[in-house]
Amino acid sequence: MNDASPRPTDNQTKLLEEILTWVKVANYDRVFNTLNSILKTDRERRIYQDTGKKTQEQISKDYKISSKTLTPLWKKWERRGLVAREKRGQYRRLLDLNDFGLASKQTTQKKIPLTPKE
């Protein structure tokens, strides 16, 4: 198969990465505030972090939320630019809450043994 789309040069890639960095820095506060205003509960933040990682069925089971409640939530997040809908109809989160210090404590805590392993 012949790929007709041109590949970016190394200089173009570096320039795009630099532009992306500046865009992120310039908009950090706005995105942080938007996330805080939309994802109001710890439960919503955990569901958001799992969006795209787990299936709808897994999320429904893990968070005891019906698809009738979950689907409108994802549609709301899609309208606000927080998730994207994939080809198969599954949603995928576009931001990582860890980048904004907003991830649920339950999703970021690692189990640390109380005693060192010998």
PDB file of N, CA and C in Angstrom:
ATOM      1  N   MET A   1       0.852  -1.179   0.000  1.00  0.00           N
ATOM      2  CA  MET A   1       0.000   0.000   0.000  1.00  0.00           C
ATOM      3  C   MET A   1       0.895   1.238   0.000  1.00  0.00           C
ATOM      4  N   ASN A   2       0.595   2.195  -0.843  1.00  0.00           N
ATOM      5  CA  ASN A   2       1.382   3.404  -0.962  1.00  0.00           C
ATOM      6  C   ASN A   2       0.781   4.499  -0.098  1.00  0.00           C
ATOM      7  N   ASP A   3       1.571   5.016   0.843  1.00  0.00           N
ATOM      8  CA  ASP A   3       1.107   6.084   1.738  1.00  0.00           C
ATOM      9  C   ASP A   3       1.407   7.420   1.073  1.00  0.00           C
ATOM     10  N   ALA A   4       0.368   8.111   0.621  1.00  0.00           N
ATOM     11  CA  ALA A   4       0.542   9.353  -0.118  1.00  0.00           C
ATOM     12  C   ALA A   4       0.761  10.564   0.780  1.00  0.00           C
ATOM     13  N   SER A   5       0.528  10.431   2.065  1.00  0.00           N
ATOM     14  CA  SER A   5       0.684  11.585   2.952  1.00  0.00           C
ATOM     15  C   SER A   5       2.165  11.808   3.248  1.00  0.00           C
ATOM     16  N   PRO A   6       2.629  13.051   3.111  1.00  0.00           N
ATOM     17  CA  PRO A   6       4.049  13.333   3.361  1.00  0.00           C
ATOM     18  C   PRO A   6       4.379  13.247   4.845  1.00  0.00           C
ATOM     19  N   ARG A   7       5.567  12.800   5.132  1.00  0.00           N
ATOM     20  CA  ARG A   7       6.040  12.702   6.516  1.00  0.00           C
ATOM     21  C   ARG A   7       6.676  14.026   6.918  1.00  0.00           C
ATOM     22  N   PRO A   8       6.414  14.492   8.143  1.00  0.00           N
ATOM     23  CA  PRO A   8       7.045  15.740   8.576  1.00  0.00           C
ATOM     24  C   PRO A   8       8.553  15.553   8.748  1.00  0.00           C
ATOM     25  N   THR A   9       9.291  16.601   8.509  1.00  0.00           N
ATOM     26  CA  THR A   9      10.737  16.560   8.723  1.00  0.00           C
ATOM     27  C   THR A   9      11.012  16.658  10.216  1.00  0.00           C
ATOM     28  N   ASP A  10      12.245  16.378  10.595  1.00  0.00           N
ATOM     29  CA  ASP A  10      12.637  16.490  12.007  1.00  0.00           C
ATOM     30  C   ASP A  10      12.443  17.917  12.506  1.00  0.00           C
ATOM     31  N   ASN A  11      12.784  18.904  11.668  1.00  0.00           N
ATOM     32  CA  ASN A  11      12.617  20.307  12.067  1.00  0.00           C
ATOM     33  C   ASN A  11      11.142  20.650  12.265  1.00  0.00           C
ATOM     34  N   GLN A  12      10.291  20.153  11.383  1.00  0.00           N
ATOM     35  CA  GLN A  12       8.856  20.403  11.528  1.00  0.00           C
ATOM     36  C   GLN A  12       8.326  19.765  12.795  1.00  0.00           C
ATOM     37  N   THR A  13       8.761  18.556  13.088  1.00  0.00           N
ATOM     38  CA  THR A  13       8.332  17.862  14.295  1.00  0.00           C
ATOM     39  C   THR A  13       8.777  18.629  15.539  1.00  0.00           C
ATOM     40  N   LYS A  14      10.012  19.086  15.562  1.00  0.00           N
ATOM     41  CA  LYS A  14      10.516  19.856  16.704  1.00  0.00           C
ATOM     42  C   LYS A  14       9.729  21.148  16.879  1.00  0.00           C
ATOM     43  N   LEU A  15       9.433  21.810  15.768  1.00  0.00           N
ATOM     44  CA  LEU A  15       8.669  23.051  15.837  1.00  0.00           C
ATOM     45  C   LEU A  15       7.259  22.799  16.368  1.00  0.00           C
ATOM     46  N   LEU A  16       6.615  21.756  15.899  1.00  0.00           N
ATOM     47  CA  LEU A  16       5.270  21.421  16.382  1.00  0.00           C
ATOM     48  C   LEU A  16       5.292  21.078  17.875  1.00  0.00           C
ATOM     49  N   GLU A  17       6.317  20.357  18.304  1.00  0.00           N
ATOM     50  CA  GLU A  17       6.435  20.028  19.724  1.00  0.00           C
ATOM     51  C   GLU A  17       6.628  21.285  20.565  1.00  0.00           C
ATOM     52  N   GLU A  18       7.415  22.227  20.073  1.00  0.00           N
ATOM     53  CA  GLU A  18       7.623  23.476  20.799  1.00  0.00           C
ATOM     54  C   GLU A  18       6.333  24.290  20.860  1.00  0.00           C
ATOM     55  N   ILE A  19       5.595  24.348  19.756  1.00  0.00           N
ATOM     56  CA  ILE A  19       4.314  25.063  19.735  1.00  0.00           C
ATOM     57  C   ILE A  19       3.345  24.417  20.720  1.00  0.00           C
ATOM     58  N   LEU A  20       3.307  23.096  20.719  1.00  0.00           N
ATOM     59  CA  LEU A  20       2.424  22.386  21.637  1.00  0.00           C
ATOM     60  C   LEU A  20       2.781  22.694  23.089  1.00  0.00           C
ATOM     61  N   THR A  21       4.055  22.730  23.402  1.00  0.00           N
ATOM     62  CA  THR A  21       4.486  23.062  24.760  1.00  0.00           C
ATOM     63  C   THR A  21       3.976  24.440  25.167  1.00  0.00           C
ATOM     64  N   TRP A  22       4.145  25.430  24.294  1.00  0.00           N
ATOM     65  CA  TRP A  22       3.690  26.783  24.618  1.00  0.00           C
ATOM     66  C   TRP A  22       2.176  26.866  24.747  1.00  0.00           C
ATOM     67  N   VAL A  23       1.460  26.137  23.910  1.00  0.00           N
ATOM     68  CA  VAL A  23      -0.004  26.119  23.994  1.00  0.00           C
ATOM     69  C   VAL A  23      -0.439  25.531  25.332  1.00  0.00           C
ATOM     70  N   LYS A  24       0.222  24.441  25.735  1.00  0.00           N
ATOM     71  CA  LYS A  24      -0.105  23.825  27.023  1.00  0.00           C
ATOM     72  C   LYS A  24       0.157  24.782  28.185  1.00  0.00           C
ATOM     73  N   VAL A  25       1.302  25.422  28.164  1.00  0.00           N
ATOM     74  CA  VAL A  25       1.655  26.341  29.247  1.00  0.00           C
ATOM     75  C   VAL A  25       0.672  27.515  29.288  1.00  0.00           C
ATOM     76  N   ALA A  26       0.362  28.060  28.122  1.00  0.00           N
ATOM     77  CA  ALA A  26      -0.510  29.236  28.061  1.00  0.00           C
ATOM     78  C   ALA A  26      -1.934  28.932  28.506  1.00  0.00           C
ATOM     79  N   ASN A  27      -2.355  27.693  28.365  1.00  0.00           N
ATOM     80  CA  ASN A  27      -3.748  27.351  28.653  1.00  0.00           C
ATOM     81  C   ASN A  27      -3.938  26.484  29.891  1.00  0.00           C
ATOM     82  N   TYR A  28      -2.863  26.226  30.627  1.00  0.00           N
ATOM     83  CA  TYR A  28      -2.938  25.337  31.782  1.00  0.00           C
ATOM     84  C   TYR A  28      -4.039  25.755  32.758  1.00  0.00           C
ATOM     85  N   ASP A  29      -4.053  27.014  33.165  1.00  0.00           N
ATOM     86  CA  ASP A  29      -5.040  27.474  34.152  1.00  0.00           C
ATOM     87  C   ASP A  29      -6.465  27.319  33.641  1.00  0.00           C
ATOM     88  N   ARG A  30      -6.695  27.641  32.385  1.00  0.00           N
ATOM     89  CA  ARG A  30      -8.043  27.519  31.816  1.00  0.00           C
ATOM     90  C   ARG A  30      -8.497  26.064  31.793  1.00  0.00           C
ATOM     91  N   VAL A  31      -7.596  25.173  31.385  1.00  0.00           N
ATOM     92  CA  VAL A  31      -7.944  23.750  31.337  1.00  0.00           C
ATOM     93  C   VAL A  31      -8.164  23.224  32.753  1.00  0.00           C
ATOM     94  N   PHE A  32      -7.301  23.594  33.680  1.00  0.00           N
ATOM     95  CA  PHE A  32      -7.436  23.179  35.080  1.00  0.00           C
ATOM     96  C   PHE A  32      -8.805  23.595  35.619  1.00  0.00           C
ATOM     97  N   ASN A  33      -9.180  24.855  35.406  1.00  0.00           N
ATOM     98  CA  ASN A  33     -10.474  25.351  35.888  1.00  0.00           C
ATOM     99  C   ASN A  33     -11.643  24.662  35.200  1.00  0.00           C
ATOM    100  N   THR A  34     -11.499  24.406  33.906  1.00  0.00           N
ATOM    101  CA  THR A  34     -12.558  23.696  33.173  1.00  0.00           C
ATOM    102  C   THR A  34     -12.742  22.292  33.728  1.00  0.00           C
ATOM    103  N   LEU A  35     -11.647  21.577  33.918  1.00  0.00           N
ATOM    104  CA  LEU A  35     -11.727  20.218  34.480  1.00  0.00           C
ATOM    105  C   LEU A  35     -12.372  20.234  35.858  1.00  0.00           C
ATOM    106  N   ASN A  36     -11.967  21.182  36.689  1.00  0.00           N
ATOM    107  CA  ASN A  36     -12.531  21.294  38.033  1.00  0.00           C
ATOM    108  C   ASN A  36     -14.023  21.588  38.008  1.00  0.00           C
ATOM    109  N   SER A  37     -14.467  22.394  37.052  1.00  0.00           N
ATOM    110  CA  SER A  37     -15.882  22.752  37.012  1.00  0.00           C
ATOM    111  C   SER A  37     -16.753  21.638  36.419  1.00  0.00           C
ATOM    112  N   ILE A  38     -16.168  20.802  35.589  1.00  0.00           N
ATOM    113  CA  ILE A  38     -16.952  19.738  34.953  1.00  0.00           C
ATOM    114  C   ILE A  38     -16.889  18.437  35.754  1.00  0.00           C
ATOM    115  N   LEU A  39     -15.704  18.069  36.191  1.00  0.00           N
ATOM    116  CA  LEU A  39     -15.508  16.826  36.950  1.00  0.00           C
ATOM    117  C   LEU A  39     -15.540  17.174  38.431  1.00  0.00           C
ATOM    118  N   LYS A  40     -16.745  17.280  38.960  1.00  0.00           N
ATOM    119  CA  LYS A  40     -16.931  17.831  40.305  1.00  0.00           C
ATOM    120  C   LYS A  40     -16.699  16.841  41.436  1.00  0.00           C
ATOM    121  N   THR A  41     -16.884  15.560  41.159  1.00  0.00           N
ATOM    122  CA  THR A  41     -16.743  14.579  42.234  1.00  0.00           C
ATOM    123  C   THR A  41     -15.565  13.653  41.967  1.00  0.00           C
ATOM    124  N   ASP A  42     -15.084  13.045  43.027  1.00  0.00           N
ATOM    125  CA  ASP A  42     -14.004  12.075  42.906  1.00  0.00           C
ATOM    126  C   ASP A  42     -14.430  10.928  41.985  1.00  0.00           C
ATOM    127  N   ARG A  43     -15.665  10.524  42.086  1.00  0.00           N
ATOM    128  CA  ARG A  43     -16.185   9.432  41.267  1.00  0.00           C
ATOM    129  C   ARG A  43     -16.143   9.799  39.784  1.00  0.00           C
ATOM    130  N   GLU A  44     -16.550  11.023  39.441  1.00  0.00           N
ATOM    131  CA  GLU A  44     -16.502  11.463  38.049  1.00  0.00           C
ATOM    132  C   GLU A  44     -15.066  11.488  37.537  1.00  0.00           C
ATOM    133  N   ARG A  45     -14.137  11.899  38.383  1.00  0.00           N
ATOM    134  CA  ARG A  45     -12.728  11.934  37.981  1.00  0.00           C
ATOM    135  C   ARG A  45     -12.192  10.533  37.722  1.00  0.00           C
ATOM    136  N   ARG A  46     -12.581   9.585  38.569  1.00  0.00           N
ATOM    137  CA  ARG A  46     -12.129   8.203  38.368  1.00  0.00           C
ATOM    138  C   ARG A  46     -12.728   7.617  37.095  1.00  0.00           C
ATOM    139  N   ILE A  47     -14.017   7.894  36.853  1.00  0.00           N
ATOM    140  CA  ILE A  47     -14.656   7.419  35.621  1.00  0.00           C
ATOM    141  C   ILE A  47     -13.958   8.047  34.416  1.00  0.00           C
ATOM    142  N   TYR A  48     -13.682   9.345  34.501  1.00  0.00           N
ATOM    143  CA  TYR A  48     -13.006  10.030  33.393  1.00  0.00           C
ATOM    144  C   TYR A  48     -11.648   9.382  33.105  1.00  0.00           C
ATOM    145  N   GLN A  49     -10.861   9.120  34.144  1.00  0.00           N
ATOM    146  CA  GLN A  49      -9.539   8.522  33.956  1.00  0.00           C
ATOM    147  C   GLN A  49      -9.627   7.140  33.318  1.00  0.00           C
ATOM    148  N   ASP A  50     -10.695   6.417  33.591  1.00  0.00           N
ATOM    149  CA  ASP A  50     -10.857   5.077  33.029  1.00  0.00           C
ATOM    150  C   ASP A  50     -11.479   5.082  31.633  1.00  0.00           C
ATOM    151  N   THR A  51     -11.987   6.226  31.198  1.00  0.00           N
ATOM    152  CA  THR A  51     -12.630   6.317  29.889  1.00  0.00           C
ATOM    153  C   THR A  51     -11.589   6.090  28.795  1.00  0.00           C
ATOM    154  N   GLY A  52     -11.843   5.068  27.998  1.00  0.00           N
ATOM    155  CA  GLY A  52     -10.913   4.696  26.945  1.00  0.00           C
ATOM    156  C   GLY A  52      -9.987   3.563  27.355  1.00  0.00           C
ATOM    157  N   LYS A  53      -9.814   3.384  28.652  1.00  0.00           N
ATOM    158  CA  LYS A  53      -8.994   2.282  29.164  1.00  0.00           C
ATOM    159  C   LYS A  53      -9.843   1.050  29.413  1.00  0.00           C
ATOM    160  N   LYS A  54     -11.069   1.281  29.864  1.00  0.00           N
ATOM    161  CA  LYS A  54     -11.992   0.197  30.182  1.00  0.00           C
ATOM    162  C   LYS A  54     -13.223   0.303  29.292  1.00  0.00           C
ATOM    163  N   THR A  55     -13.903  -0.808  29.134  1.00  0.00           N
ATOM    164  CA  THR A  55     -15.141  -0.802  28.352  1.00  0.00           C
ATOM    165  C   THR A  55     -16.260  -0.172  29.160  1.00  0.00           C
ATOM    166  N   GLN A  56     -17.341   0.145  28.474  1.00  0.00           N
ATOM    167  CA  GLN A  56     -18.513   0.705  29.147  1.00  0.00           C
ATOM    168  C   GLN A  56     -19.025  -0.270  30.198  1.00  0.00           C
ATOM    169  N   GLU A  57     -19.017  -1.547  29.869  1.00  0.00           N
ATOM    170  CA  GLU A  57     -19.494  -2.560  30.806  1.00  0.00           C
ATOM    171  C   GLU A  57     -18.622  -2.602  32.062  1.00  0.00           C
ATOM    172  N   GLN A  58     -17.297  -2.511  31.877  1.00  0.00           N
ATOM    173  CA  GLN A  58     -16.388  -2.530  33.017  1.00  0.00           C
ATOM    174  C   GLN A  58     -16.599  -1.305  33.905  1.00  0.00           C
ATOM    175  N   ILE A  59     -16.737  -0.142  33.286  1.00  0.00           N
ATOM    176  CA  ILE A  59     -16.945   1.081  34.059  1.00  0.00           C
ATOM    177  C   ILE A  59     -18.279   1.020  34.796  1.00  0.00           C
ATOM    178  N   SER A  60     -19.318   0.549  34.113  1.00  0.00           N
ATOM    179  CA  SER A  60     -20.632   0.426  34.751  1.00  0.00           C
ATOM    180  C   SER A  60     -20.559  -0.471  35.976  1.00  0.00           C
ATOM    181  N   LYS A  61     -19.848  -1.576  35.835  1.00  0.00           N
ATOM    182  CA  LYS A  61     -19.723  -2.522  36.949  1.00  0.00           C
ATOM    183  C   LYS A  61     -18.858  -1.944  38.071  1.00  0.00           C
ATOM    184  N   ASP A  62     -17.691  -1.386  37.720  1.00  0.00           N
ATOM    185  CA  ASP A  62     -16.758  -0.880  38.724  1.00  0.00           C
ATOM    186  C   ASP A  62     -17.343   0.264  39.546  1.00  0.00           C
ATOM    187  N   TYR A  63     -18.116   1.133  38.892  1.00  0.00           N
ATOM    188  CA  TYR A  63     -18.622   2.327  39.569  1.00  0.00           C
ATOM    189  C   TYR A  63     -20.118   2.259  39.867  1.00  0.00           C
ATOM    190  N   LYS A  64     -20.690   1.086  39.595  1.00  0.00           N
ATOM    191  CA  LYS A  64     -22.122   0.878  39.855  1.00  0.00           C
ATOM    192  C   LYS A  64     -22.944   2.020  39.261  1.00  0.00           C
ATOM    193  N   ILE A  65     -22.738   2.211  37.951  1.00  0.00           N
ATOM    194  CA  ILE A  65     -23.427   3.267  37.213  1.00  0.00           C
ATOM    195  C   ILE A  65     -24.055   2.637  35.974  1.00  0.00           C
ATOM    196  N   SER A  66     -25.298   2.977  35.713  1.00  0.00           N
ATOM    197  CA  SER A  66     -25.983   2.384  34.565  1.00  0.00           C
ATOM    198  C   SER A  66     -25.527   3.062  33.275  1.00  0.00           C
ATOM    199  N   SER A  67     -25.695   2.368  32.169  1.00  0.00           N
ATOM    200  CA  SER A  67     -25.334   2.957  30.878  1.00  0.00           C
ATOM    201  C   SER A  67     -26.232   4.153  30.560  1.00  0.00           C
ATOM    202  N   LYS A  68     -27.448   4.156  31.131  1.00  0.00           N
ATOM    203  CA  LYS A  68     -28.352   5.292  30.928  1.00  0.00           C
ATOM    204  C   LYS A  68     -27.832   6.550  31.618  1.00  0.00           C
ATOM    205  N   THR A  69     -26.993   6.383  32.614  1.00  0.00           N
ATOM    206  CA  THR A  69     -26.373   7.516  33.298  1.00  0.00           C
ATOM    207  C   THR A  69     -25.003   7.823  32.696  1.00  0.00           C
ATOM    208  N   LEU A  70     -24.268   6.783  32.334  1.00  0.00           N
ATOM    209  CA  LEU A  70     -22.907   6.932  31.830  1.00  0.00           C
ATOM    210  C   LEU A  70     -22.861   7.584  30.446  1.00  0.00           C
ATOM    211  N   THR A  71     -23.707   7.152  29.543  1.00  0.00           N
ATOM    212  CA  THR A  71     -23.682   7.679  28.177  1.00  0.00           C
ATOM    213  C   THR A  71     -23.926   9.188  28.131  1.00  0.00           C
ATOM    214  N   PRO A  72     -24.931   9.725  28.822  1.00  0.00           N
ATOM    215  CA  PRO A  72     -25.098  11.186  28.821  1.00  0.00           C
ATOM    216  C   PRO A  72     -23.901  11.928  29.427  1.00  0.00           C
ATOM    217  N   LEU A  73     -23.253  11.308  30.402  1.00  0.00           N
ATOM    218  CA  LEU A  73     -22.069  11.906  31.005  1.00  0.00           C
ATOM    219  C   LEU A  73     -20.959  12.036  29.955  1.00  0.00           C
ATOM    220  N   TRP A  74     -20.728  10.954  29.210  1.00  0.00           N
ATOM    221  CA  TRP A  74     -19.722  10.983  28.151  1.00  0.00           C
ATOM    222  C   TRP A  74     -20.089  11.989  27.060  1.00  0.00           C
ATOM    223  N   LYS A  75     -21.372  12.080  26.719  1.00  0.00           N
ATOM    224  CA  LYS A  75     -21.798  13.039  25.693  1.00  0.00           C
ATOM    225  C   LYS A  75     -21.556  14.475  26.158  1.00  0.00           C
ATOM    226  N   LYS A  76     -21.804  14.728  27.433  1.00  0.00           N
ATOM    227  CA  LYS A  76     -21.538  16.058  28.004  1.00  0.00           C
ATOM    228  C   LYS A  76     -20.045  16.367  27.914  1.00  0.00           C
ATOM    229  N   TRP A  77     -19.216  15.390  28.285  1.00  0.00           N
ATOM    230  CA  TRP A  77     -17.770  15.590  28.234  1.00  0.00           C
ATOM    231  C   TRP A  77     -17.293  15.779  26.796  1.00  0.00           C
ATOM    232  N   GLU A  78     -17.939  15.100  25.857  1.00  0.00           N
ATOM    233  CA  GLU A  78     -17.573  15.257  24.445  1.00  0.00           C
ATOM    234  C   GLU A  78     -17.879  16.682  23.971  1.00  0.00           C
ATOM    235  N   ARG A  79     -19.040  17.205  24.351  1.00  0.00           N
ATOM    236  CA  ARG A  79     -19.405  18.580  23.972  1.00  0.00           C
ATOM    237  C   ARG A  79     -18.430  19.595  24.543  1.00  0.00           C
ATOM    238  N   ARG A  80     -17.870  19.290  25.714  1.00  0.00           N
ATOM    239  CA  ARG A  80     -16.924  20.207  26.366  1.00  0.00           C
ATOM    240  C   ARG A  80     -15.478  19.966  25.926  1.00  0.00           C
ATOM    241  N   GLY A  81     -15.249  18.987  25.064  1.00  0.00           N
ATOM    242  CA  GLY A  81     -13.916  18.738  24.529  1.00  0.00           C
ATOM    243  C   GLY A  81     -13.010  17.903  25.408  1.00  0.00           C
ATOM    244  N   LEU A  82     -13.590  17.157  26.337  1.00  0.00           N
ATOM    245  CA  LEU A  82     -12.780  16.345  27.251  1.00  0.00           C
ATOM    246  C   LEU A  82     -12.589  14.912  26.773  1.00  0.00           C
ATOM    247  N   VAL A  83     -13.498  14.425  25.926  1.00  0.00           N
ATOM    248  CA  VAL A  83     -13.388  13.073  25.381  1.00  0.00           C
ATOM    249  C   VAL A  83     -13.671  13.127  23.882  1.00  0.00           C
ATOM    250  N   ALA A  84     -13.234  12.079  23.194  1.00  0.00           N
ATOM    251  CA  ALA A  84     -13.530  11.934  21.769  1.00  0.00           C
ATOM    252  C   ALA A  84     -14.175  10.579  21.562  1.00  0.00           C
ATOM    253  N   ARG A  85     -15.041  10.515  20.586  1.00  0.00           N
ATOM    254  CA  ARG A  85     -15.712   9.255  20.272  1.00  0.00           C
ATOM    255  C   ARG A  85     -14.917   8.548  19.187  1.00  0.00           C
ATOM    256  N   GLU A  86     -14.594   7.311  19.447  1.00  0.00           N
ATOM    257  CA  GLU A  86     -13.822   6.501  18.512  1.00  0.00           C
ATOM    258  C   GLU A  86     -14.742   5.892  17.455  1.00  0.00           C
ATOM    259  N   LYS A  87     -14.145   5.231  16.479  1.00  0.00           N
ATOM    260  CA  LYS A  87     -14.900   4.639  15.361  1.00  0.00           C
ATOM    261  C   LYS A  87     -15.977   3.665  15.827  1.00  0.00           C
ATOM    262  N   ARG A  88     -15.674   2.879  16.808  1.00  0.00           N
ATOM    263  CA  ARG A  88     -16.622   1.868  17.288  1.00  0.00           C
ATOM    264  C   ARG A  88     -17.641   2.428  18.267  1.00  0.00           C
ATOM    265  N   GLY A  89     -17.619   3.729  18.478  1.00  0.00           N
ATOM    266  CA  GLY A  89     -18.574   4.331  19.395  1.00  0.00           C
ATOM    267  C   GLY A  89     -18.068   4.443  20.819  1.00  0.00           C
ATOM    268  N   GLN A  90     -16.871   3.907  21.072  1.00  0.00           N
ATOM    269  CA  GLN A  90     -16.292   4.023  22.409  1.00  0.00           C
ATOM    270  C   GLN A  90     -15.713   5.407  22.599  1.00  0.00           C
ATOM    271  N   TYR A  91     -15.752   5.886  23.823  1.00  0.00           N
ATOM    272  CA  TYR A  91     -15.186   7.186  24.137  1.00  0.00           C
ATOM    273  C   TYR A  91     -13.763   7.018  24.656  1.00  0.00           C
ATOM    274  N   ARG A  92     -12.940   8.053  24.432  1.00  0.00           N
ATOM    275  CA  ARG A  92     -11.556   8.066  24.895  1.00  0.00           C
ATOM    276  C   ARG A  92     -11.277   9.435  25.500  1.00  0.00           C
ATOM    277  N   ARG A  93     -10.703   9.442  26.690  1.00  0.00           N
ATOM    278  CA  ARG A  93     -10.384  10.726  27.318  1.00  0.00           C
ATOM    279  C   ARG A  93      -9.245  11.385  26.567  1.00  0.00           C
ATOM    280  N   LEU A  94      -9.257  12.714  26.548  1.00  0.00           N
ATOM    281  CA  LEU A  94      -8.244  13.458  25.817  1.00  0.00           C
ATOM    282  C   LEU A  94      -7.182  14.064  26.728  1.00  0.00           C
ATOM    283  N   LEU A  95      -7.452  14.091  28.010  1.00  0.00           N
ATOM    284  CA  LEU A  95      -6.513  14.672  28.966  1.00  0.00           C
ATOM    285  C   LEU A  95      -6.247  13.680  30.088  1.00  0.00           C
ATOM    286  N   ASP A  96      -5.092  13.796  30.680  1.00  0.00           N
ATOM    287  CA  ASP A  96      -4.754  12.968  31.831  1.00  0.00           C
ATOM    288  C   ASP A  96      -4.832  13.850  33.068  1.00  0.00           C
ATOM    289  N   LEU A  97      -5.700  13.494  33.984  1.00  0.00           N
ATOM    290  CA  LEU A  97      -5.885  14.300  35.188  1.00  0.00           C
ATOM    291  C   LEU A  97      -4.621  14.375  36.034  1.00  0.00           C
ATOM    292  N   ASN A  98      -3.736  13.409  35.902  1.00  0.00           N
ATOM    293  CA  ASN A  98      -2.461  13.443  36.625  1.00  0.00           C
ATOM    294  C   ASN A  98      -1.639  14.670  36.214  1.00  0.00           C
ATOM    295  N   ASP A  99      -1.770  15.089  34.967  1.00  0.00           N
ATOM    296  CA  ASP A  99      -1.026  16.260  34.488  1.00  0.00           C
ATOM    297  C   ASP A  99      -1.472  17.547  35.171  1.00  0.00           C
ATOM    298  N   PHE A 100      -2.653  17.517  35.782  1.00  0.00           N
ATOM    299  CA  PHE A 100      -3.214  18.701  36.428  1.00  0.00           C
ATOM    300  C   PHE A 100      -3.349  18.527  37.937  1.00  0.00           C
ATOM    301  N   GLY A 101      -2.835  17.438  38.463  1.00  0.00           N
ATOM    302  CA  GLY A 101      -2.932  17.172  39.892  1.00  0.00           C
ATOM    303  C   GLY A 101      -4.357  16.919  40.346  1.00  0.00           C
ATOM    304  N   LEU A 102      -5.198  16.444  39.428  1.00  0.00           N
ATOM    305  CA  LEU A 102      -6.615  16.250  39.741  1.00  0.00           C
ATOM    306  C   LEU A 102      -7.047  14.786  39.787  1.00  0.00           C
ATOM    307  N   ALA A 103      -6.122  13.888  39.588  1.00  0.00           N
ATOM    308  CA  ALA A 103      -6.493  12.478  39.598  1.00  0.00           C
ATOM    309  C   ALA A 103      -6.943  12.081  40.993  1.00  0.00           C
ATOM    310  N   SER A 104      -7.890  11.180  41.039  1.00  0.00           N
ATOM    311  CA  SER A 104      -8.396  10.656  42.297  1.00  0.00           C
ATOM    312  C   SER A 104      -7.254  10.008  43.069  1.00  0.00           C
ATOM    313  N   LYS A 105      -7.295  10.142  44.373  1.00  0.00           N
ATOM    314  CA  LYS A 105      -6.282   9.499  45.201  1.00  0.00           C
ATOM    315  C   LYS A 105      -6.290   7.996  44.986  1.00  0.00           C
ATOM    316  N   GLN A 106      -7.458   7.433  44.724  1.00  0.00           N
ATOM    317  CA  GLN A 106      -7.567   5.993  44.508  1.00  0.00           C
ATOM    318  C   GLN A 106      -6.890   5.562  43.214  1.00  0.00           C
ATOM    319  N   THR A 107      -6.847   6.438  42.212  1.00  0.00           N
ATOM    320  CA  THR A 107      -6.226   6.049  40.950  1.00  0.00           C
ATOM    321  C   THR A 107      -4.734   6.307  40.942  1.00  0.00           C
ATOM    322  N   THR A 108      -4.233   7.120  41.859  1.00  0.00           N
ATOM    323  CA  THR A 108      -2.811   7.452  41.846  1.00  0.00           C
ATOM    324  C   THR A 108      -2.030   6.755  42.950  1.00  0.00           C
ATOM    325  N   GLN A 109      -2.696   6.276  43.977  1.00  0.00           N
ATOM    326  CA  GLN A 109      -1.987   5.623  45.065  1.00  0.00           C
ATOM    327  C   GLN A 109      -1.507   4.251  44.635  1.00  0.00           C
ATOM    328  N   LYS A 110      -0.277   3.955  44.988  1.00  0.00           N
ATOM    329  CA  LYS A 110       0.256   2.621  44.758  1.00  0.00           C
ATOM    330  C   LYS A 110       0.294   1.915  46.097  1.00  0.00           C
ATOM    331  N   LYS A 111       0.092   0.624  46.059  1.00  0.00           N
ATOM    332  CA  LYS A 111       0.152  -0.138  47.299  1.00  0.00           C
ATOM    333  C   LYS A 111       1.607  -0.282  47.713  1.00  0.00           C
ATOM    334  N   ILE A 112       1.899   0.191  48.879  1.00  0.00           N
ATOM    335  CA  ILE A 112       3.250   0.124  49.416  1.00  0.00           C
ATOM    336  C   ILE A 112       3.229  -0.873  50.576  1.00  0.00           C
ATOM    337  N   PRO A 113       4.070  -1.864  50.523  1.00  0.00           N
ATOM    338  CA  PRO A 113       4.062  -2.841  51.618  1.00  0.00           C
ATOM    339  C   PRO A 113       4.454  -2.194  52.934  1.00  0.00           C
ATOM    340  N   LEU A 114       3.817  -2.659  54.015  1.00  0.00           N
ATOM    341  CA  LEU A 114       4.104  -2.118  55.324  1.00  0.00           C
ATOM    342  C   LEU A 114       5.481  -2.544  55.825  1.00  0.00           C
ATOM    343  N   THR A 115       5.912  -3.708  55.413  1.00  0.00           N
ATOM    344  CA  THR A 115       7.249  -4.174  55.802  1.00  0.00           C
ATOM    345  C   THR A 115       8.040  -4.490  54.542  1.00  0.00           C
ATOM    346  N   PRO A 116       9.314  -4.218  54.571  1.00  0.00           N
ATOM    347  CA  PRO A 116      10.131  -4.503  53.380  1.00  0.00           C
ATOM    348  C   PRO A 116      10.192  -6.002  53.107  1.00  0.00           C
ATOM    349  N   LYS A 117      10.235  -6.317  51.821  1.00  0.00           N
ATOM    350  CA  LYS A 117      10.366  -7.726  51.442  1.00  0.00           C
ATOM    351  C   LYS A 117      11.791  -8.170  51.692  1.00  0.00           C
ATOM    352  N   GLU A 118      11.908  -9.400  52.154  1.00  0.00           N
ATOM    353  CA  GLU A 118      13.263  -9.913  52.433  1.00  0.00           C
ATOM    354  C   GLU A 118      13.657 -10.900  51.395  1.00  0.00           C
TER     355      GLU A 118
END
